[in-house]
C-alpha atoms as a PDB file:
ATOM      1  CA  MET A   1       4.463 101.494 154.720  1.00  0.00           C
ATOM      2  CA  PHE A   2       5.373 100.633 151.024  1.00  0.00           C
ATOM      3  CA  LYS A   3       2.200  98.901 149.996  1.00  0.00           C
ATOM      4  CA  LYS A   4       1.830 100.868 146.817  1.00  0.00           C
ATOM      5  CA  GLU A   5       4.355 101.451 143.982  1.00  0.00           C
ATOM      6  CA  PHE A   6       5.912 104.868 144.018  1.00  0.00           C
ATOM      7  CA  THR A   7       8.547 106.756 142.190  1.00  0.00           C
ATOM      8  CA  PRO A   8      11.831 107.494 144.008  1.00  0.00           C
ATOM      9  CA  GLY A   9      12.536 111.202 144.693  1.00  0.00           C
ATOM     10  CA  ALA A  10      15.857 113.028 144.398  1.00  0.00           C
ATOM     11  CA  LYS A  11      19.089 111.090 144.410  1.00  0.00           C
ATOM     12  CA  SER A  12      21.930 112.678 146.291  1.00  0.00           C
ATOM     13  CA  LYS A  13      25.476 111.579 147.197  1.00  0.00           C
ATOM     14  CA  VAL A  14      26.272 110.892 150.723  1.00  0.00           C
ATOM     15  CA  LYS A  15      29.154 112.663 152.311  1.00  0.00           C
ATOM     16  CA  SER A  16      31.980 110.597 153.594  1.00  0.00           C
ATOM     17  CA  SER A  17      31.318 111.692 157.392  1.00  0.00           C
ATOM     18  CA  ALA A  18      27.768 110.636 156.941  1.00  0.00           C
ATOM     19  CA  GLN A  19      28.711 107.579 155.165  1.00  0.00           C
ATOM     20  CA  ARG A  20      30.788 106.554 158.032  1.00  0.00           C
ATOM     21  CA  ALA A  21      27.986 107.407 160.517  1.00  0.00           C
ATOM     22  CA  VAL A  22      25.596 105.032 158.542  1.00  0.00           C
ATOM     23  CA  ARG A  23      28.279 102.215 158.354  1.00  0.00           C
ATOM     24  CA  ALA A  24      28.775 102.589 162.140  1.00  0.00           C
ATOM     25  CA  LYS A  25      24.960 102.649 162.713  1.00  0.00           C
ATOM     26  CA  VAL A  26      24.516  99.290 160.431  1.00  0.00           C
ATOM     27  CA  LEU A  27      27.438  97.625 162.446  1.00  0.00           C
ATOM     28  CA  GLU A  28      25.761  98.560 165.890  1.00  0.00           C
ATOM     29  CA  THR A  29      22.450  97.372 164.851  1.00  0.00           C
ATOM     30  CA  TYR A  30      23.585  94.253 162.937  1.00  0.00           C
ATOM     31  CA  PRO A  31      26.831  93.267 164.598  1.00  0.00           C
ATOM     32  CA  LEU A  32      26.956  89.846 162.597  1.00  0.00           C
ATOM     33  CA  LEU A  33      27.462  91.860 159.406  1.00  0.00           C
ATOM     34  CA  GLU A  34      30.844  92.936 160.292  1.00  0.00           C
ATOM     35  CA  PRO A  35      32.795  90.398 158.382  1.00  0.00           C
ATOM     36  CA  HIS A  36      30.806  91.323 155.208  1.00  0.00           C
ATOM     37  CA  ILE A  37      30.377  95.211 155.564  1.00  0.00           C
ATOM     38  CA  ASP A  38      33.194  96.048 153.082  1.00  0.00           C
ATOM     39  CA  GLU A  39      31.125  93.985 150.564  1.00  0.00           C
ATOM     40  CA  ILE A  40      27.883  95.637 151.542  1.00  0.00           C
ATOM     41  CA  LEU A  41      29.049  99.270 152.093  1.00  0.00           C
ATOM     42  CA  PRO A  42      32.454  99.539 150.548  1.00  0.00           C
ATOM     43  CA  LYS A  43      34.602 102.481 151.878  1.00  0.00           C
ATOM     44  CA  LYS A  44      35.864 103.549 148.573  1.00  0.00           C
ATOM     45  CA  GLU A  45      32.462 103.502 146.715  1.00  0.00           C
ATOM     46  CA  GLN A  46      29.928 106.264 146.799  1.00  0.00           C
ATOM     47  CA  LEU A  47      26.818 105.657 148.894  1.00  0.00           C
ATOM     48  CA  ASP A  48      23.641 107.387 147.473  1.00  0.00           C
ATOM     49  CA  LEU A  49      20.725 108.711 149.472  1.00  0.00           C
ATOM     50  CA  VAL A  50      17.386 108.516 147.696  1.00  0.00           C
ATOM     51  CA  LYS A  51      14.369 110.172 149.221  1.00  0.00           C
ATOM     52  CA  ILE A  52      11.125 108.294 149.118  1.00  0.00           C
ATOM     53  CA  PRO A  53       7.614 108.990 150.239  1.00  0.00           C
ATOM     54  CA  ASP A  54       6.691 109.280 153.925  1.00  0.00           C
ATOM     55  CA  ARG A  55       9.886 110.736 154.815  1.00  0.00           C
ATOM     56  CA  VAL A  56      12.015 107.766 154.268  1.00  0.00           C
ATOM     57  CA  SER A  57      15.620 107.621 153.404  1.00  0.00           C
ATOM     58  CA  LEU A  58      16.986 104.662 151.078  1.00  0.00           C
ATOM     59  CA  TYR A  59      20.552 104.164 151.239  1.00  0.00           C
ATOM     60  CA  CYS A  60      21.972 102.472 147.921  1.00  0.00           C
ATOM     61  CA  ASN A  61      24.840 101.626 146.195  1.00  0.00           C
ATOM     62  CA  GLY A  62      24.508 102.550 142.587  1.00  0.00           C
ATOM     63  CA  THR A  63      21.316 100.821 141.630  1.00  0.00           C
ATOM     64  CA  THR A  64      21.310  98.295 144.627  1.00  0.00           C
ATOM     65  CA  PRO A  65      19.130  99.158 147.456  1.00  0.00           C
ATOM     66  CA  LEU A  66      20.743  98.347 150.874  1.00  0.00           C
ATOM     67  CA  PHE A  67      19.191  99.946 153.897  1.00  0.00           C
ATOM     68  CA  PHE A  68      16.144 102.393 154.623  1.00  0.00           C
ATOM     69  CA  GLN A  69      15.180 104.554 157.583  1.00  0.00           C
ATOM     70  CA  HIS A  70      12.188 106.427 158.456  1.00  0.00           C
ATOM     71  CA  MET A  71      13.204 109.874 159.978  1.00  0.00           C
ATOM     72  CA  ASP A  72      15.366 108.922 163.079  1.00  0.00           C
ATOM     73  CA  ASP A  73      13.889 105.352 163.560  1.00  0.00           C
ATOM     74  CA  ALA A  74      16.032 102.260 163.420  1.00  0.00           C
ATOM     75  CA  ILE A  75      17.945 101.594 160.158  1.00  0.00           C
ATOM     76  CA  LEU A  76      16.277  98.589 158.525  1.00  0.00           C
ATOM     77  CA  PRO A  77      17.868  96.332 155.666  1.00  0.00           C
ATOM     78  CA  HIS A  78      16.291  95.950 152.221  1.00  0.00           C
ATOM     79  CA  LEU A  79      15.104  92.426 151.804  1.00  0.00           C
ATOM     80  CA  LYS A  80      17.849  91.876 148.970  1.00  0.00           C
ATOM     81  CA  VAL A  81      20.333  92.371 151.771  1.00  0.00           C
ATOM     82  CA  VAL A  82      18.530  89.885 154.038  1.00  0.00           C
ATOM     83  CA  HIS A  83      18.469  87.361 151.372  1.00  0.00           C
ATOM     84  CA  LYS A  84      22.137  87.328 150.760  1.00  0.00           C
ATOM     85  CA  TYR A  85      23.065  87.520 154.466  1.00  0.00           C
ATOM     86  CA  PRO A  86      20.308  85.698 156.158  1.00  0.00           C
ATOM     87  CA  TRP A  87      22.348  84.375 159.246  1.00  0.00           C
ATOM     88  CA  ALA A  88      23.254  87.912 160.223  1.00  0.00           C
ATOM     89  CA  PHE A  89      19.727  89.065 161.279  1.00  0.00           C
ATOM     90  CA  THR A  90      17.527  88.222 164.292  1.00  0.00           C
ATOM     91  CA  LYS A  91      14.590  86.031 162.837  1.00  0.00           C
ATOM     92  CA  VAL A  92      11.025  84.979 163.868  1.00  0.00           C
ATOM     93  CA  ARG A  93       8.918  82.657 161.827  1.00  0.00           C
ATOM     94  CA  VAL A  94       5.061  82.993 161.083  1.00  0.00           C
ATOM     95  CA  ASP A  95       2.688  80.045 160.683  1.00  0.00           C
ATOM     96  CA  ARG A  96       1.267  79.181 157.189  1.00  0.00           C
ATOM     97  CA  GLY A  97      -1.967  80.887 157.652  1.00  0.00           C
ATOM     98  CA  ALA A  98      -0.419  84.425 158.192  1.00  0.00           C
ATOM     99  CA  ILE A  99       1.563  84.176 154.865  1.00  0.00           C
ATOM    100  CA  ARG A 100      -1.046  85.601 152.724  1.00  0.00           C
ATOM    101  CA  PHE A 101      -1.719  88.432 155.116  1.00  0.00           C
ATOM    102  CA  VAL A 102       2.045  89.508 155.537  1.00  0.00           C
ATOM    103  CA  MET A 103       2.290  89.272 151.457  1.00  0.00           C
ATOM    104  CA  SER A 104      -0.646  91.545 151.073  1.00  0.00           C
ATOM    105  CA  GLY A 105       0.872  94.258 153.412  1.00  0.00           C
ATOM    106  CA  ALA A 106      -1.307  93.672 156.512  1.00  0.00           C
ATOM    107  CA  THR A 107      -0.101  94.289 160.125  1.00  0.00           C
ATOM    108  CA  LEU A 108       1.592  91.194 161.445  1.00  0.00           C
ATOM    109  CA  MET A 109      -0.513  90.025 164.457  1.00  0.00           C
ATOM    110  CA  VAL A 110       0.822  87.951 167.431  1.00  0.00           C
ATOM    111  CA  PRO A 111      -1.129  84.760 166.851  1.00  0.00           C
ATOM    112  CA  GLY A 112       0.820  84.334 163.667  1.00  0.00           C
ATOM    113  CA  LEU A 113       4.000  84.008 165.585  1.00  0.00           C
ATOM    114  CA  THR A 114       2.681  82.181 168.611  1.00  0.00           C
ATOM    115  CA  SER A 115       0.764  79.684 166.963  1.00  0.00           C
ATOM    116  CA  PRO A 116       2.140  75.838 166.491  1.00  0.00           C
ATOM    117  CA  GLY A 117       3.907  76.970 163.236  1.00  0.00           C
ATOM    118  CA  GLY A 118       5.222  80.211 164.480  1.00  0.00           C
ATOM    119  CA  ARG A 119       8.650  80.655 166.336  1.00  0.00           C
ATOM    120  CA  LEU A 120      10.158  83.353 168.391  1.00  0.00           C
ATOM    121  CA  ALA A 121      13.335  83.749 170.193  1.00  0.00           C
ATOM    122  CA  GLY A 122      13.145  82.068 173.582  1.00  0.00           C
ATOM    123  CA  ASP A 123      10.995  79.170 172.399  1.00  0.00           C
ATOM    124  CA  GLU A 124      12.386  75.712 173.179  1.00  0.00           C
ATOM    125  CA  GLY A 125      14.865  74.461 170.660  1.00  0.00           C
ATOM    126  CA  VAL A 126      14.880  77.361 168.459  1.00  0.00           C
ATOM    127  CA  GLU A 127      17.850  79.408 169.867  1.00  0.00           C
ATOM    128  CA  GLU A 128      20.216  78.398 167.035  1.00  0.00           C
ATOM    129  CA  GLU A 129      18.079  79.291 164.046  1.00  0.00           C
ATOM    130  CA  TYR A 130      15.579  81.801 165.547  1.00  0.00           C
ATOM    131  CA  GLY A 131      17.135  83.158 168.607  1.00  0.00           C
ATOM    132  CA  ASN A 132      18.798  86.490 169.684  1.00  0.00           C
ATOM    133  CA  ALA A 133      21.868  84.677 171.368  1.00  0.00           C
ATOM    134  CA  GLY A 134      19.270  82.939 173.598  1.00  0.00           C
ATOM    135  CA  LYS A 135      17.675  86.497 174.837  1.00  0.00           C
ATOM    136  CA  GLU A 136      14.071  87.478 174.542  1.00  0.00           C
ATOM    137  CA  LEU A 137      13.120  89.929 171.777  1.00  0.00           C
ATOM    138  CA  GLU A 138      12.171  93.515 173.207  1.00  0.00           C
ATOM    139  CA  VAL A 139      10.021  96.327 171.726  1.00  0.00           C
ATOM    140  CA  GLY A 140      11.864  98.097 169.010  1.00  0.00           C
ATOM    141  CA  ASP A 141      14.203  95.224 168.036  1.00  0.00           C
ATOM    142  CA  VAL A 142      14.531  94.731 164.211  1.00  0.00           C
ATOM    143  CA  VAL A 143      13.358  91.443 163.122  1.00  0.00           C
ATOM    144  CA  VAL A 144      13.397  89.375 159.855  1.00  0.00           C
ATOM    145  CA  VAL A 145      10.192  87.392 159.346  1.00  0.00           C
ATOM    146  CA  ASN A 146      10.371  83.976 157.776  1.00  0.00           C
ATOM    147  CA  ALA A 147       7.337  81.848 156.747  1.00  0.00           C
ATOM    148  CA  GLU A 148       6.698  78.285 157.789  1.00  0.00           C
ATOM    149  CA  GLY A 149       7.927  75.960 155.011  1.00  0.00           C
ATOM    150  CA  LYS A 150       9.720  78.675 153.144  1.00  0.00           C
ATOM    151  CA  ASP A 151      13.401  79.333 152.800  1.00  0.00           C
ATOM    152  CA  SER A 152      13.576  83.229 152.183  1.00  0.00           C
ATOM    153  CA  ALA A 153      12.603  86.067 154.272  1.00  0.00           C
ATOM    154  CA  CYS A 154       9.309  87.763 153.437  1.00  0.00           C
ATOM    155  CA  LEU A 155       9.238  90.699 155.936  1.00  0.00           C
ATOM    156  CA  VAL A 156      11.443  92.905 157.978  1.00  0.00           C
ATOM    157  CA  GLY A 157      10.181  95.292 160.584  1.00  0.00           C
ATOM    158  CA  VAL A 158      10.472  96.481 164.166  1.00  0.00           C
ATOM    159  CA  LEU A 159       8.629  94.744 167.000  1.00  0.00           C
ATOM    160  CA  LYS A 160       5.670  96.522 168.605  1.00  0.00           C
ATOM    161  CA  MET A 161       5.610  93.875 171.524  1.00  0.00           C
ATOM    162  CA  GLY A 162       8.432  91.787 173.259  1.00  0.00           C
ATOM    163  CA  SER A 163       8.600  88.031 172.739  1.00  0.00           C
ATOM    164  CA  ALA A 164       7.708  87.321 176.452  1.00  0.00           C
ATOM    165  CA  GLU A 165       4.697  89.440 176.307  1.00  0.00           C
ATOM    166  CA  MET A 166       3.580  87.959 172.961  1.00  0.00           C
ATOM    167  CA  ARG A 167       3.743  84.359 174.561  1.00  0.00           C
ATOM    168  CA  GLU A 168       1.819  85.834 177.535  1.00  0.00           C
ATOM    169  CA  LYS A 169      -1.073  87.729 175.630  1.00  0.00           C
ATOM    170  CA  LYS A 170      -1.154  85.555 172.636  1.00  0.00           C
ATOM    171  CA  LYS A 171      -2.824  88.818 170.809  1.00  0.00           C
ATOM    172  CA  GLY A 172      -2.155  92.141 169.642  1.00  0.00           C
ATOM    173  CA  ILE A 173       0.275  93.700 166.853  1.00  0.00           C
ATOM    174  CA  ALA A 174       3.571  92.237 166.593  1.00  0.00           C
ATOM    175  CA  ILE A 175       5.022  94.325 163.428  1.00  0.00           C
ATOM    176  CA  GLU A 176       3.342  97.115 161.607  1.00  0.00           C
ATOM    177  CA  ASN A 177       4.746  99.101 158.612  1.00  0.00           C
ATOM    178  CA  GLY A 178       7.400  96.566 157.657  1.00  0.00           C
ATOM    179  CA  HIS A 179       9.107  95.918 154.270  1.00  0.00           C
ATOM    180  CA  PHE A 180       7.800  92.814 152.501  1.00  0.00           C
ATOM    181  CA  ALA A 181       8.382  90.872 149.432  1.00  0.00           C
ATOM    182  CA  GLY A 182       6.409  92.461 146.466  1.00  0.00           C
ATOM    183  CA  ASP A 183       5.847  95.795 148.048  1.00  0.00           C
ATOM    184  CA  GLY A 184       6.670  99.246 146.444  1.00  0.00           C
ATOM    185  CA  LEU A 185      10.224  99.134 147.768  1.00  0.00           C
ATOM    186  CA  TRP A 186      10.885  95.639 146.575  1.00  0.00           C
ATOM    187  CA  LYS A 187       9.692  96.659 143.181  1.00  0.00           C
ATOM    188  CA  LEU A 188      11.600 100.110 143.194  1.00  0.00           C
ATOM    189  CA  ASP A 189      13.423 100.778 140.084  1.00  0.00           C
ATOM    190  CA  LEU A 190      16.618 102.824 140.789  1.00  0.00           C
ATOM    191  CA  SER A 191      18.230 102.780 137.520  1.00  0.00           C
END
């Protein structure tokens, strides 16, 4: 979605009612962020909306990007938020072979998650770190992708296939159009 660098569009102030709606949507989608929501989206500070290409809305606090949303799709965290609060998001892990493809903006394919280096929710012994409270991941769930042997997340996106189906089929598209480290959204200058 953000493979190339781009310039941000118009920046506008978000009305307080819309700001409360964004805050509620974030808490609904990411309930583990609740203890930190006042740090991320302070009630007394102005939330800004920046229009970026492909009908994407970027919510930011000053020059700090926080969340983005394509039309009425799920609200996704910027990787900078993920790096600050990594425990608050559902995670999966790709094997070492998929790292270069993820970092070049390619679609994340299922074999990168189901191979020996990959991890999915529901896999044996990974519920604590990579689980979704022990539940299987479903189509449309927002996930953060970590890479085997790396500490920080490298991709955030929406699943196109559930984890049970991934283990069964072992092929197909897992995530497309995600936000990855080094993409245009990562490099976006809001100053």
